Protein backbone atom coordinates (compact mmCIF):
# COMPACT_ATOMS: atom_id res chain seq x y z
CA MET A 1 -2.28 19.28 41.67
CA SER A 2 0.88 20.73 40.36
CA ARG A 3 0.68 18.42 37.19
CA MET A 4 -2.98 19.61 36.68
CA ARG A 5 -1.98 23.29 37.12
CA THR A 6 0.72 22.71 34.69
CA LEU A 7 -1.69 21.30 32.26
CA ARG A 8 -4.31 24.10 32.82
CA GLU A 9 -1.34 26.72 32.22
CA HIS A 10 -0.13 25.06 28.82
CA PRO A 11 -3.31 24.24 26.79
CA SER A 12 -1.33 24.69 23.59
CA ALA A 13 1.08 22.09 24.68
CA VAL A 14 -1.91 19.69 25.59
CA LEU A 15 -3.39 20.34 22.22
CA LEU A 16 -0.28 19.60 20.28
CA VAL A 17 0.42 16.35 22.07
CA MET A 18 -3.19 15.12 21.60
CA GLN A 19 -3.00 15.92 17.72
CA LEU A 20 0.28 13.71 17.78
CA VAL A 21 -1.26 11.04 19.64
CA ALA A 22 -4.18 10.97 17.30
CA VAL A 23 -1.80 10.86 14.45
CA LEU A 24 0.17 8.01 15.73
CA SER A 25 -2.84 5.80 17.00
CA TYR A 26 -4.93 6.24 13.57
CA PRO A 27 -3.37 3.28 11.67
CA PHE A 28 -3.93 1.08 14.56
CA LEU A 29 -7.52 1.91 15.15
CA ASP A 30 -8.97 2.61 11.45
CA GLY A 31 -9.57 -1.13 10.54
CA SER A 32 -12.98 -1.76 12.43
CA VAL A 33 -16.10 -0.05 13.54
CA ALA A 34 -14.85 0.21 17.17
CA GLY A 35 -11.52 1.42 16.07
CA ARG A 36 -13.13 4.11 14.04
CA ALA A 37 -15.35 5.14 17.09
CA VAL A 38 -12.28 5.28 19.38
CA VAL A 39 -10.58 7.38 16.62
CA GLY A 40 -13.50 9.71 16.46
CA VAL A 41 -13.39 10.05 20.29
CA VAL A 42 -9.74 10.96 20.00
CA GLN A 43 -10.31 13.39 17.29
CA MET A 44 -13.40 14.89 19.17
CA SER A 45 -10.85 15.36 22.18
CA VAL A 46 -8.72 17.13 19.83
CA VAL A 47 -11.64 19.41 18.78
CA PHE A 48 -12.43 20.13 22.48
CA LEU A 49 -9.01 20.86 23.54
CA ALA A 50 -8.42 23.25 20.59
CA ALA A 51 -11.74 25.18 21.89
CA TRP A 52 -10.27 25.16 25.46
CA ALA A 53 -6.87 26.58 24.16
CA VAL A 54 -8.73 29.23 22.48
CA ARG A 55 -10.01 30.69 25.54
CA ARG A 56 -6.58 31.73 26.55
CA THR A 57 -6.24 33.76 23.43
CA PRO A 58 -7.68 37.21 22.58
CA ALA A 59 -10.03 35.74 20.15
CA LEU A 60 -13.81 35.18 20.64
CA SER A 61 -14.04 31.81 22.45
CA TRP A 62 -17.83 31.60 21.60
CA VAL A 63 -17.08 31.47 17.88
CA ALA A 64 -14.98 28.29 18.63
CA VAL A 65 -17.55 26.71 20.64
CA LEU A 66 -20.31 27.52 17.96
CA LEU A 67 -18.18 25.59 15.51
CA GLY A 68 -16.91 23.19 17.73
CA GLY A 69 -19.73 21.73 19.15
CA PRO A 70 -21.17 20.41 15.71
CA ALA A 71 -17.89 19.54 14.76
CA MET A 72 -17.64 17.25 17.61
CA VAL A 73 -20.90 15.60 16.83
CA PHE A 74 -20.06 14.79 13.16
CA THR A 75 -16.52 13.56 14.25
CA ILE A 76 -18.39 10.71 15.59
CA PHE A 77 -20.84 10.43 12.62
CA GLU A 78 -17.84 10.34 10.21
CA ALA A 79 -15.98 7.71 12.13
CA LEU A 80 -19.09 5.46 12.10
CA GLN A 81 -19.97 6.29 8.50
CA PRO A 82 -16.64 7.18 6.81
CA SER A 83 -18.11 6.44 3.32
CA THR A 84 -21.48 8.44 3.53
CA GLU A 85 -20.62 11.62 1.39
CA TRP A 86 -23.08 13.89 3.10
CA VAL A 87 -21.67 13.17 6.54
CA VAL A 88 -18.11 13.87 5.27
CA LEU A 89 -19.28 17.01 3.53
CA VAL A 90 -21.15 18.28 6.57
CA SER A 91 -18.43 17.46 8.79
CA ALA A 92 -15.93 19.46 6.74
CA VAL A 93 -18.41 22.34 6.68
CA PHE A 94 -17.96 22.55 10.35
CA HIS A 95 -14.34 21.35 10.94
CA VAL A 96 -12.66 23.60 8.32
CA PRO A 97 -13.78 27.04 9.75
CA PHE A 98 -13.39 25.73 13.24
CA TYR A 99 -9.67 24.72 12.72
CA PHE A 100 -8.72 27.67 10.71
CA TYR A 101 -10.23 30.07 13.29
CA VAL A 102 -8.28 28.10 16.05
CA SER A 103 -5.12 28.68 14.29
CA TYR A 104 -6.05 32.26 13.85
CA ALA A 105 -6.47 32.54 17.60
CA MET A 106 -3.27 31.14 18.42
CA ILE A 107 -1.56 33.24 16.03
CA ARG A 108 -3.10 36.17 17.70
CA TYR A 109 -1.99 34.62 20.93
CA LEU A 110 1.54 34.69 19.96
CA PHE A 111 1.35 38.36 18.78
CA HIS A 112 -0.68 39.90 21.71
CA ASP A 113 2.33 41.19 23.68
CA ASP A 114 5.92 41.61 23.59
CA LYS A 115 6.76 38.58 25.52
CA VAL A 116 7.02 34.78 24.54
CA THR A 117 5.72 32.61 27.18
CA ARG A 118 6.32 28.61 27.15
CA ASP A 119 2.74 28.14 26.26
CA GLU A 120 3.03 30.55 23.29
CA LEU A 121 5.93 28.48 21.94
CA PHE A 122 3.76 25.42 22.13
CA ALA A 123 1.13 27.44 20.34
CA THR A 124 3.28 28.01 17.22
CA GLY A 125 3.41 24.26 16.72
CA ALA A 126 -0.17 23.44 17.72
CA ALA A 127 -1.35 26.19 15.29
CA PHE A 128 0.68 24.55 12.40
CA THR A 129 -0.86 21.27 13.07
CA VAL A 130 -4.20 22.62 13.39
CA VAL A 131 -3.83 24.38 9.92
CA ALA A 132 -2.86 20.85 8.60
CA TRP A 133 -6.04 19.10 10.03
CA GLY A 134 -8.21 22.00 8.57
CA PHE A 135 -6.53 21.50 5.00
CA ALA A 136 -7.37 17.77 5.48
CA TYR A 137 -11.00 18.38 5.74
CA VAL A 138 -10.78 20.76 2.89
CA TYR A 139 -9.53 17.84 0.69
CA ALA A 140 -12.04 15.48 2.10
CA ALA A 141 -14.90 18.06 0.91
CA ALA A 142 -13.14 18.34 -2.41
CA GLN A 143 -13.36 14.54 -3.00
CA VAL A 144 -16.98 14.63 -2.38
CA VAL A 145 -17.60 17.74 -4.68
CA TRP A 146 -15.20 16.64 -7.31
CA PRO A 147 -14.83 12.81 -7.19
CA GLU A 148 -11.21 11.48 -7.67
CA SER A 149 -9.54 14.66 -7.14
CA PHE A 150 -6.51 12.89 -5.65
CA VAL A 151 -4.70 9.83 -6.97
CA GLY A 152 -2.01 7.57 -4.99
CA ILE A 153 0.74 6.05 -6.41
CA ASP A 154 -0.80 2.74 -6.66
CA GLY A 155 -3.51 4.07 -8.97
CA THR A 156 -6.15 4.29 -6.40
CA GLY A 157 -8.72 7.06 -6.86
CA ASP A 158 -10.54 8.72 -3.71
CA GLN A 159 -8.30 8.82 -0.56
CA GLY A 160 -9.12 7.97 3.21
CA TRP A 161 -8.94 11.12 5.59
CA PHE A 162 -5.90 9.84 7.20
CA LYS A 163 -4.11 9.64 3.81
CA LEU A 164 -5.46 13.25 3.08
CA LEU A 165 -3.90 14.17 6.26
CA TYR A 166 -0.78 12.91 5.44
CA LEU A 167 -1.07 15.04 2.17
CA SER A 168 -1.91 18.10 4.09
CA PHE A 169 1.26 17.60 6.53
CA THR A 170 3.60 16.86 3.50
CA THR A 171 2.32 20.16 1.61
CA LEU A 172 2.33 22.23 4.60
CA THR A 173 5.77 21.44 5.47
CA SER A 174 6.92 21.70 1.92
CA VAL A 175 8.33 18.17 2.05
CA GLY A 176 6.24 17.19 -1.18
CA LEU A 177 6.65 13.42 -0.95
CA SER A 178 4.03 13.23 -4.00
CA ASP A 179 2.86 9.61 -3.31
CA ILE A 180 -0.56 11.14 -3.14
CA VAL A 181 -1.09 13.82 -5.95
CA PRO A 182 -4.00 16.18 -6.82
CA VAL A 183 -5.11 15.37 -10.46
CA GLN A 184 -7.84 17.70 -10.90
CA ASP A 185 -7.29 21.47 -11.25
CA ASN A 186 -9.66 22.40 -8.22
CA ALA A 187 -7.79 20.19 -5.91
CA ARG A 188 -4.38 21.33 -7.34
CA SER A 189 -5.56 25.04 -6.55
CA LEU A 190 -6.37 24.14 -2.97
CA VAL A 191 -2.84 22.37 -2.54
CA MET A 192 -1.29 25.41 -3.94
CA VAL A 193 -3.32 27.76 -1.42
CA GLU A 194 -1.88 25.28 1.57
CA GLN A 195 1.53 25.58 0.15
CA VAL A 196 1.56 29.43 0.23
CA ALA A 197 0.19 29.12 3.91
CA GLY A 198 2.91 26.87 4.92
CA VAL A 199 5.68 29.25 3.66
CA PHE A 200 3.78 32.36 5.03
CA TYR A 201 3.39 30.73 8.48
CA VAL A 202 6.89 29.90 8.84
CA ALA A 203 8.08 33.40 7.64
CA LEU A 204 5.48 35.02 10.00
CA VAL A 205 6.69 32.96 13.05
CA VAL A 206 10.40 33.56 12.34
CA ALA A 207 9.94 37.39 11.73
CA ARG A 208 7.91 37.55 15.12
CA LEU A 209 10.84 35.75 16.99
CA VAL A 210 13.32 37.96 15.41
CA GLY A 211 11.48 41.01 15.89
CA LEU A 212 11.03 40.04 19.81
CA ASN A 213 14.79 39.47 20.07
CA ALA A 214 15.44 43.01 18.73
CA ILE A 215 13.20 44.47 21.09
CA ARG A 216 14.59 42.69 23.98
CA HIS A 217 18.25 43.90 22.99
CA SER A 218 16.94 47.46 22.43
CA ARG A 219 15.69 47.55 26.13
CA ARG A 220 19.07 46.59 27.60
């Protein structure tokens, strides 16, 4: 009971852990239809957990549910038909606003009072990874609209979703490993937007924590 209560009190931590589990399990499961179906279920669980985490925030939970429901359905479709362009595009249409809205809700959660709880600290990490997932779907949609937007160092054209997620994480964290690169101007503009978002997010969180520390000291 105590463990269940802990999980209920820290939905952001559960979301963060599940996202990392999905990232680590994907390379082992993507080689078969059954594996992709399992990956789809894991990703669907991440979508569900994201919607669950939003209910603790000051944002509108019904918005997350309205976007998350279709996103969960197309997560399975995409796992079973990863090369079907209309499935990839429609999946992105629901996943992108859903993940961005969840990240917005978690940032509001972090800023809604003058105290930082343990779950809010987990929310800073979860919101960051949620943004990375959102941009991965942006890139997936870009490949459908503008084929061969990204190229790997081995000369391959359109990239799989996991490689796009890898590109998103390296871009958002400003690591820039550059083994997958945007080669069309539209794709490059999207990558630049994510670079700005990554720098802005880190600056925002640092400023928030410094401000809260100053408030705490001023009250002593």
